[in-house]
Amino acid sequence: MQVTVLGSGSAQPTHRRASAGYLVEWQGGALLLDAAAGTYMRALGAGLDPWRLRALVLSHLHPDHTADLPALLWARRQTPGLTEPLEIVGPPGTAELLERVQALYGSWLAVPRDVSPFPWELRGLLVQAFPARHSAEAVCLRLVADGKALAYSGDTGDCEGLRAACRQADLALIECTTMDAQEGHMTPADCEAVVAATRPERVFLTHLGPDVTATLPLAEDGFAISL
């Protein structure tokens, strides 16, 4: 499994960090994990073959995680010969989001008819979801493929769902939005507590606010991490 960080920033992107988006590749294909504005373009820049994109997996429905959904569907609609279906996998409310996107753009987009719930499996990949402490629908995710486990916090405060996703993972991508306590988000101290309790093999902090500094490693846009 390989993870490419397409956006390591928060809802306040900077010239250095775009908002949330990750390309996950495994032996069975590739998917996008969250999709802030410009994620699909950055995935192409990272070498994604559009024929291999099997799914878009969403942790929750805030714009800094979903804004590129219409652009992604539009781009695939315009790609000649692209017949492989794209699965949309997400928490409750994802189907309603797709309905609104379809109502806005109509036949210009190839909107999938169905949304796949968690847990979700495809070609040797399993995606499990755990309740997050953020918006009502938000989840923390654990992706298992090729004998490796990737934990992804999405947006959350410290909670049992996050700890379950991170426990002894090969790689944990943990949000660290703020230096000061903020409901539904993590500070560097919060991240250190989660890592100490769950012991993932490797950790990168992501969804980084502009002023965040930490002793744990920080993700950077363009990082390619092999598990």
C-alpha atoms as a PDB file:
ATOM      1  CA  MET A   1       0.000   0.000   0.000  1.00  0.00           C
ATOM      2  CA  GLN A   2       1.177   3.527  -0.755  1.00  0.00           C
ATOM      3  CA  VAL A   3      -0.313   6.805   0.472  1.00  0.00           C
ATOM      4  CA  THR A   4       0.366  10.120  -1.269  1.00  0.00           C
ATOM      5  CA  VAL A   5      -0.519  13.249   0.679  1.00  0.00           C
ATOM      6  CA  LEU A   6      -2.334  15.577  -1.718  1.00  0.00           C
ATOM      7  CA  GLY A   7      -3.448  18.056   0.928  1.00  0.00           C
ATOM      8  CA  SER A   8      -2.078  18.298   4.458  1.00  0.00           C
ATOM      9  CA  GLY A   9      -3.771  21.557   5.415  1.00  0.00           C
ATOM     10  CA  SER A  10      -6.942  22.466   7.258  1.00  0.00           C
ATOM     11  CA  ALA A  11      -9.983  24.458   6.143  1.00  0.00           C
ATOM     12  CA  GLN A  12      -7.525  27.379   6.002  1.00  0.00           C
ATOM     13  CA  PRO A  13      -5.184  26.238   3.203  1.00  0.00           C
ATOM     14  CA  THR A  14      -1.876  28.019   2.621  1.00  0.00           C
ATOM     15  CA  HIS A  15       0.533  28.292  -0.316  1.00  0.00           C
ATOM     16  CA  ARG A  16       2.299  25.285   1.228  1.00  0.00           C
ATOM     17  CA  ARG A  17      -0.623  23.115   2.297  1.00  0.00           C
ATOM     18  CA  ALA A  18      -3.837  22.402   0.392  1.00  0.00           C
ATOM     19  CA  SER A  19      -6.907  21.154   2.243  1.00  0.00           C
ATOM     20  CA  ALA A  20      -7.550  17.455   2.878  1.00  0.00           C
ATOM     21  CA  GLY A  21      -6.958  14.829   0.202  1.00  0.00           C
ATOM     22  CA  TYR A  22      -4.995  11.570  -0.032  1.00  0.00           C
ATOM     23  CA  LEU A  23      -4.304   9.080  -2.799  1.00  0.00           C
ATOM     24  CA  VAL A  24      -4.266   5.476  -1.558  1.00  0.00           C
ATOM     25  CA  GLU A  25      -2.916   2.790  -3.889  1.00  0.00           C
ATOM     26  CA  TRP A  26      -2.940  -0.938  -3.229  1.00  0.00           C
ATOM     27  CA  GLN A  27      -2.574  -4.050  -5.369  1.00  0.00           C
ATOM     28  CA  GLY A  28      -6.268  -3.936  -6.319  1.00  0.00           C
ATOM     29  CA  GLY A  29      -6.378  -0.319  -7.502  1.00  0.00           C
ATOM     30  CA  ALA A  30      -6.458   3.244  -6.206  1.00  0.00           C
ATOM     31  CA  LEU A  31      -8.862   5.525  -4.355  1.00  0.00           C
ATOM     32  CA  LEU A  32      -9.085   9.071  -3.105  1.00  0.00           C
ATOM     33  CA  LEU A  33      -9.502   9.542   0.613  1.00  0.00           C
ATOM     34  CA  ASP A  34     -11.384  12.838   1.035  1.00  0.00           C
ATOM     35  CA  ALA A  35     -11.309  15.426  -1.725  1.00  0.00           C
ATOM     36  CA  ALA A  36     -10.913  19.115  -1.001  1.00  0.00           C
ATOM     37  CA  ALA A  37     -10.760  21.544  -3.920  1.00  0.00           C
ATOM     38  CA  GLY A  38      -8.093  20.528  -6.451  1.00  0.00           C
ATOM     39  CA  THR A  39      -7.527  17.023  -5.081  1.00  0.00           C
ATOM     40  CA  TYR A  40      -8.153  15.242  -8.386  1.00  0.00           C
ATOM     41  CA  MET A  41      -5.730  17.523 -10.245  1.00  0.00           C
ATOM     42  CA  ARG A  42      -3.037  16.924  -7.618  1.00  0.00           C
ATOM     43  CA  ALA A  43      -3.692  13.161  -7.831  1.00  0.00           C
ATOM     44  CA  LEU A  44      -3.046  13.322 -11.579  1.00  0.00           C
ATOM     45  CA  GLY A  45       0.137  15.242 -10.832  1.00  0.00           C
ATOM     46  CA  ALA A  46       1.150  12.408  -8.491  1.00  0.00           C
ATOM     47  CA  GLY A  47       0.853   9.966 -11.395  1.00  0.00           C
ATOM     48  CA  LEU A  48      -2.651   8.598 -10.929  1.00  0.00           C
ATOM     49  CA  ASP A  49      -3.949   6.671 -13.919  1.00  0.00           C
ATOM     50  CA  PRO A  50      -7.662   7.625 -14.068  1.00  0.00           C
ATOM     51  CA  TRP A  51      -8.497   4.084 -15.150  1.00  0.00           C
ATOM     52  CA  ARG A  52      -7.300   2.832 -11.770  1.00  0.00           C
ATOM     53  CA  LEU A  53      -9.371   5.157  -9.587  1.00  0.00           C
ATOM     54  CA  ARG A  54     -11.961   2.856  -8.019  1.00  0.00           C
ATOM     55  CA  ALA A  55     -13.514   4.983  -5.291  1.00  0.00           C
ATOM     56  CA  LEU A  56     -13.810   8.222  -3.403  1.00  0.00           C
ATOM     57  CA  VAL A  57     -13.985   7.534   0.336  1.00  0.00           C
ATOM     58  CA  LEU A  58     -15.262  10.377   2.529  1.00  0.00           C
ATOM     59  CA  SER A  59     -14.681  10.806   6.253  1.00  0.00           C
ATOM     60  CA  HIS A  60     -17.374  13.494   6.573  1.00  0.00           C
ATOM     61  CA  LEU A  61     -19.177  16.075   4.499  1.00  0.00           C
ATOM     62  CA  HIS A  62     -17.578  19.436   5.244  1.00  0.00           C
ATOM     63  CA  PRO A  63     -16.449  21.386   2.145  1.00  0.00           C
ATOM     64  CA  ASP A  64     -12.735  21.155   2.963  1.00  0.00           C
ATOM     65  CA  HIS A  65     -13.131  17.374   2.524  1.00  0.00           C
ATOM     66  CA  THR A  66     -15.687  17.158  -0.302  1.00  0.00           C
ATOM     67  CA  ALA A  67     -15.447  20.280  -2.484  1.00  0.00           C
ATOM     68  CA  ASP A  68     -13.767  18.462  -5.387  1.00  0.00           C
ATOM     69  CA  LEU A  69     -16.576  15.908  -5.711  1.00  0.00           C
ATOM     70  CA  PRO A  70     -18.316  17.748  -8.605  1.00  0.00           C
ATOM     71  CA  ALA A  71     -14.991  18.421 -10.350  1.00  0.00           C
ATOM     72  CA  LEU A  72     -14.009  14.761 -10.053  1.00  0.00           C
ATOM     73  CA  LEU A  73     -17.306  13.561 -11.495  1.00  0.00           C
ATOM     74  CA  TRP A  74     -17.114  16.162 -14.273  1.00  0.00           C
ATOM     75  CA  ALA A  75     -13.565  15.136 -15.217  1.00  0.00           C
ATOM     76  CA  ARG A  76     -14.522  11.484 -15.390  1.00  0.00           C
ATOM     77  CA  ARG A  77     -17.563  12.341 -17.523  1.00  0.00           C
ATOM     78  CA  GLN A  78     -15.240  14.031 -20.010  1.00  0.00           C
ATOM     79  CA  THR A  79     -12.680  11.196 -20.183  1.00  0.00           C
ATOM     80  CA  PRO A  80     -13.203   9.209 -23.428  1.00  0.00           C
ATOM     81  CA  GLY A  81     -13.571   5.481 -22.934  1.00  0.00           C
ATOM     82  CA  LEU A  82     -13.592   5.629 -19.133  1.00  0.00           C
ATOM     83  CA  THR A  83     -16.204   2.998 -18.279  1.00  0.00           C
ATOM     84  CA  GLU A  84     -14.948   1.710 -14.900  1.00  0.00           C
ATOM     85  CA  PRO A  85     -17.540   2.789 -12.312  1.00  0.00           C
ATOM     86  CA  LEU A  86     -16.467   5.057  -9.472  1.00  0.00           C
ATOM     87  CA  GLU A  87     -17.805   4.060  -6.080  1.00  0.00           C
ATOM     88  CA  ILE A  88     -18.631   6.771  -3.559  1.00  0.00           C
ATOM     89  CA  VAL A  89     -18.173   5.512  -0.018  1.00  0.00           C
ATOM     90  CA  GLY A  90     -19.205   7.659   2.898  1.00  0.00           C
ATOM     91  CA  PRO A  91     -21.067   8.215   6.138  1.00  0.00           C
ATOM     92  CA  PRO A  92     -24.802   8.919   6.515  1.00  0.00           C
ATOM     93  CA  GLY A  93     -25.764  12.013   4.514  1.00  0.00           C
ATOM     94  CA  THR A  94     -23.482  11.219   1.562  1.00  0.00           C
ATOM     95  CA  ALA A  95     -26.397  10.130  -0.628  1.00  0.00           C
ATOM     96  CA  GLU A  96     -28.191  13.417   0.067  1.00  0.00           C
ATOM     97  CA  LEU A  97     -25.036  15.330  -0.860  1.00  0.00           C
ATOM     98  CA  LEU A  98     -24.877  13.485  -4.181  1.00  0.00           C
ATOM     99  CA  GLU A  99     -28.554  14.230  -4.827  1.00  0.00           C
ATOM    100  CA  ARG A 100     -27.880  17.948  -4.371  1.00  0.00           C
ATOM    101  CA  VAL A 101     -24.850  17.816  -6.652  1.00  0.00           C
ATOM    102  CA  GLN A 102     -26.937  16.026  -9.292  1.00  0.00           C
ATOM    103  CA  ALA A 103     -29.741  18.579  -8.943  1.00  0.00           C
ATOM    104  CA  LEU A 104     -27.258  21.424  -9.400  1.00  0.00           C
ATOM    105  CA  TYR A 105     -25.359  20.068 -12.427  1.00  0.00           C
ATOM    106  CA  GLY A 106     -27.835  17.631 -13.978  1.00  0.00           C
ATOM    107  CA  SER A 107     -26.619  15.505 -16.887  1.00  0.00           C
ATOM    108  CA  TRP A 108     -23.265  17.289 -17.002  1.00  0.00           C
ATOM    109  CA  LEU A 109     -22.058  14.901 -14.298  1.00  0.00           C
ATOM    110  CA  ALA A 110     -22.015  11.122 -14.115  1.00  0.00           C
ATOM    111  CA  VAL A 111     -23.244  10.832 -10.525  1.00  0.00           C
ATOM    112  CA  PRO A 112     -23.235   7.275  -9.128  1.00  0.00           C
ATOM    113  CA  ARG A 113     -26.707   6.015  -8.276  1.00  0.00           C
ATOM    114  CA  ASP A 114     -25.751   4.467  -4.965  1.00  0.00           C
ATOM    115  CA  VAL A 115     -23.512   5.259  -2.025  1.00  0.00           C
ATOM    116  CA  SER A 116     -21.616   2.417  -0.380  1.00  0.00           C
ATOM    117  CA  PRO A 117     -21.756   2.365   3.432  1.00  0.00           C
ATOM    118  CA  PHE A 118     -19.058   1.284   5.868  1.00  0.00           C
ATOM    119  CA  PRO A 119     -17.610  -1.283   6.268  1.00  0.00           C
ATOM    120  CA  TRP A 120     -16.661  -1.467   2.593  1.00  0.00           C
ATOM    121  CA  GLU A 121     -14.538  -3.978   0.685  1.00  0.00           C
ATOM    122  CA  LEU A 122     -13.064  -3.932  -2.809  1.00  0.00           C
ATOM    123  CA  ARG A 123     -10.387  -6.095  -4.409  1.00  0.00           C
ATOM    124  CA  GLY A 124      -8.527  -6.976  -1.228  1.00  0.00           C
ATOM    125  CA  LEU A 125      -9.134  -3.664   0.583  1.00  0.00           C
ATOM    126  CA  LEU A 126     -11.282  -3.315   3.710  1.00  0.00           C
ATOM    127  CA  VAL A 127     -12.372   0.104   5.008  1.00  0.00           C
ATOM    128  CA  GLN A 128     -13.784   0.252   8.528  1.00  0.00           C
ATOM    129  CA  ALA A 129     -15.327   3.314  10.156  1.00  0.00           C
ATOM    130  CA  PHE A 130     -15.437   4.393  13.800  1.00  0.00           C
ATOM    131  CA  PRO A 131     -17.416   7.303  15.294  1.00  0.00           C
ATOM    132  CA  ALA A 132     -15.454  10.549  15.389  1.00  0.00           C
ATOM    133  CA  ARG A 133     -15.923  13.547  17.677  1.00  0.00           C
ATOM    134  CA  HIS A 134     -16.663  16.227  15.134  1.00  0.00           C
ATOM    135  CA  SER A 135     -19.793  16.711  13.012  1.00  0.00           C
ATOM    136  CA  ALA A 136     -22.668  14.266  13.536  1.00  0.00           C
ATOM    137  CA  GLU A 137     -21.781  12.084  10.541  1.00  0.00           C
ATOM    138  CA  ALA A 138     -17.984  12.200  10.864  1.00  0.00           C
ATOM    139  CA  VAL A 139     -15.986   8.988  11.133  1.00  0.00           C
ATOM    140  CA  CYS A 140     -12.399   7.896  11.654  1.00  0.00           C
ATOM    141  CA  LEU A 141     -11.246   5.286   9.149  1.00  0.00           C
ATOM    142  CA  ARG A 142      -9.004   2.229   9.086  1.00  0.00           C
ATOM    143  CA  LEU A 143      -7.981   0.849   5.693  1.00  0.00           C
ATOM    144  CA  VAL A 144      -6.461  -2.632   5.516  1.00  0.00           C
ATOM    145  CA  ALA A 145      -4.857  -4.025   2.338  1.00  0.00           C
ATOM    146  CA  ASP A 146      -1.728  -5.868   1.272  1.00  0.00           C
ATOM    147  CA  GLY A 147      -1.200  -6.934   4.898  1.00  0.00           C
ATOM    148  CA  LYS A 148      -0.949  -3.320   6.114  1.00  0.00           C
ATOM    149  CA  ALA A 149      -3.251  -1.024   8.102  1.00  0.00           C
ATOM    150  CA  LEU A 150      -3.687   2.721   7.506  1.00  0.00           C
ATOM    151  CA  ALA A 151      -5.490   4.807  10.114  1.00  0.00           C
ATOM    152  CA  TYR A 152      -7.013   8.136   9.089  1.00  0.00           C
ATOM    153  CA  SER A 153      -8.571  10.422  11.659  1.00  0.00           C
ATOM    154  CA  GLY A 154     -10.595  12.626   9.330  1.00  0.00           C
ATOM    155  CA  ASP A 155     -11.572  15.525  11.575  1.00  0.00           C
ATOM    156  CA  THR A 156     -12.039  14.645  15.221  1.00  0.00           C
ATOM    157  CA  GLY A 157     -11.204  15.303  18.821  1.00  0.00           C
ATOM    158  CA  ASP A 158      -9.635  12.579  20.903  1.00  0.00           C
ATOM    159  CA  CYS A 159     -12.161   9.758  21.239  1.00  0.00           C
ATOM    160  CA  GLU A 160     -12.395   5.981  21.372  1.00  0.00           C
ATOM    161  CA  GLY A 161     -13.220   5.822  17.667  1.00  0.00           C
ATOM    162  CA  LEU A 162      -9.936   7.515  16.790  1.00  0.00           C
ATOM    163  CA  ARG A 163      -8.022   5.247  19.138  1.00  0.00           C
ATOM    164  CA  ALA A 164      -9.663   2.136  17.692  1.00  0.00           C
ATOM    165  CA  ALA A 165      -8.682   3.206  14.166  1.00  0.00           C
ATOM    166  CA  CYS A 166      -5.084   3.964  15.172  1.00  0.00           C
ATOM    167  CA  ARG A 167      -4.368   0.963  17.401  1.00  0.00           C
ATOM    168  CA  GLN A 168      -1.129  -0.659  16.154  1.00  0.00           C
ATOM    169  CA  ALA A 169      -1.663   0.638  12.626  1.00  0.00           C
ATOM    170  CA  ASP A 170       1.275   0.591  10.235  1.00  0.00           C
ATOM    171  CA  LEU A 171       0.627   4.270   9.492  1.00  0.00           C
ATOM    172  CA  ALA A 172      -1.600   6.781  11.273  1.00  0.00           C
ATOM    173  CA  LEU A 173      -2.553  10.101   9.676  1.00  0.00           C
ATOM    174  CA  ILE A 174      -3.871  12.151  12.586  1.00  0.00           C
ATOM    175  CA  GLU A 175      -5.390  15.588  12.309  1.00  0.00           C
ATOM    176  CA  CYS A 176      -3.752  18.420  14.251  1.00  0.00           C
ATOM    177  CA  THR A 177      -5.694  21.546  13.448  1.00  0.00           C
ATOM    178  CA  THR A 178      -4.929  23.832  16.344  1.00  0.00           C
ATOM    179  CA  MET A 179      -2.446  24.678  19.092  1.00  0.00           C
ATOM    180  CA  ASP A 180      -5.251  25.520  21.524  1.00  0.00           C
ATOM    181  CA  ALA A 181      -8.090  23.280  22.697  1.00  0.00           C
ATOM    182  CA  GLN A 182     -10.965  23.354  20.213  1.00  0.00           C
ATOM    183  CA  GLU A 183     -14.002  21.089  20.245  1.00  0.00           C
ATOM    184  CA  GLY A 184     -13.892  18.525  17.469  1.00  0.00           C
ATOM    185  CA  HIS A 185     -10.204  19.013  16.633  1.00  0.00           C
ATOM    186  CA  MET A 186      -6.821  17.938  17.942  1.00  0.00           C
ATOM    187  CA  THR A 187      -3.826  19.745  19.426  1.00  0.00           C
ATOM    188  CA  PRO A 188      -0.243  18.410  19.375  1.00  0.00           C
ATOM    189  CA  ALA A 189      -0.675  17.295  22.988  1.00  0.00           C
ATOM    190  CA  ASP A 190      -3.867  15.418  22.068  1.00  0.00           C
ATOM    191  CA  CYS A 191      -2.034  13.658  19.231  1.00  0.00           C
ATOM    192  CA  GLU A 192       0.813  12.646  21.512  1.00  0.00           C
ATOM    193  CA  ALA A 193      -1.682  11.100  23.958  1.00  0.00           C
ATOM    194  CA  VAL A 194      -3.375   9.106  21.186  1.00  0.00           C
ATOM    195  CA  VAL A 195      -0.057   7.862  19.802  1.00  0.00           C
ATOM    196  CA  ALA A 196       1.171   6.830  23.255  1.00  0.00           C
ATOM    197  CA  ALA A 197      -2.027   4.874  23.862  1.00  0.00           C
ATOM    198  CA  THR A 198      -2.344   3.179  20.453  1.00  0.00           C
ATOM    199  CA  ARG A 199       1.271   2.725  19.312  1.00  0.00           C
ATOM    200  CA  PRO A 200       1.037   2.954  15.520  1.00  0.00           C
ATOM    201  CA  GLU A 201       4.234   2.021  13.684  1.00  0.00           C
ATOM    202  CA  ARG A 202       4.488   5.397  11.930  1.00  0.00           C
ATOM    203  CA  VAL A 203       2.660   8.693  12.429  1.00  0.00           C
ATOM    204  CA  PHE A 204       2.241  11.894  10.471  1.00  0.00           C
ATOM    205  CA  LEU A 205       0.155  14.804  11.687  1.00  0.00           C
ATOM    206  CA  THR A 206      -2.058  16.339   9.013  1.00  0.00           C
ATOM    207  CA  HIS A 207      -5.015  18.742   8.558  1.00  0.00           C
ATOM    208  CA  LEU A 208      -2.540  21.243   9.937  1.00  0.00           C
ATOM    209  CA  GLY A 209      -3.585  24.733  10.891  1.00  0.00           C
ATOM    210  CA  PRO A 210      -1.260  27.543   9.759  1.00  0.00           C
ATOM    211  CA  ASP A 211       0.361  27.968  13.179  1.00  0.00           C
ATOM    212  CA  VAL A 212       0.767  24.315  14.232  1.00  0.00           C
ATOM    213  CA  THR A 213       4.160  23.115  15.449  1.00  0.00           C
ATOM    214  CA  ALA A 214       4.744  19.701  17.007  1.00  0.00           C
ATOM    215  CA  THR A 215       7.373  17.158  17.977  1.00  0.00           C
ATOM    216  CA  LEU A 216       5.586  14.421  16.022  1.00  0.00           C
ATOM    217  CA  PRO A 217       6.332  14.397  12.244  1.00  0.00           C
ATOM    218  CA  LEU A 218       4.224  16.718  10.096  1.00  0.00           C
ATOM    219  CA  ALA A 219       2.834  15.587   6.742  1.00  0.00           C
ATOM    220  CA  GLU A 220       3.704  17.649   3.686  1.00  0.00           C
ATOM    221  CA  ASP A 221       1.857  17.961   0.400  1.00  0.00           C
ATOM    222  CA  GLY A 222       3.430  15.562  -2.077  1.00  0.00           C
ATOM    223  CA  PHE A 223       4.691  13.058   0.497  1.00  0.00           C
ATOM    224  CA  ALA A 224       4.542   9.481  -0.831  1.00  0.00           C
ATOM    225  CA  ILE A 225       4.552   7.003   2.049  1.00  0.00           C
ATOM    226  CA  SER A 226       5.008   3.287   1.424  1.00  0.00           C
ATOM    227  CA  LEU A 227       3.615   0.856   3.998  1.00  0.00           C
END
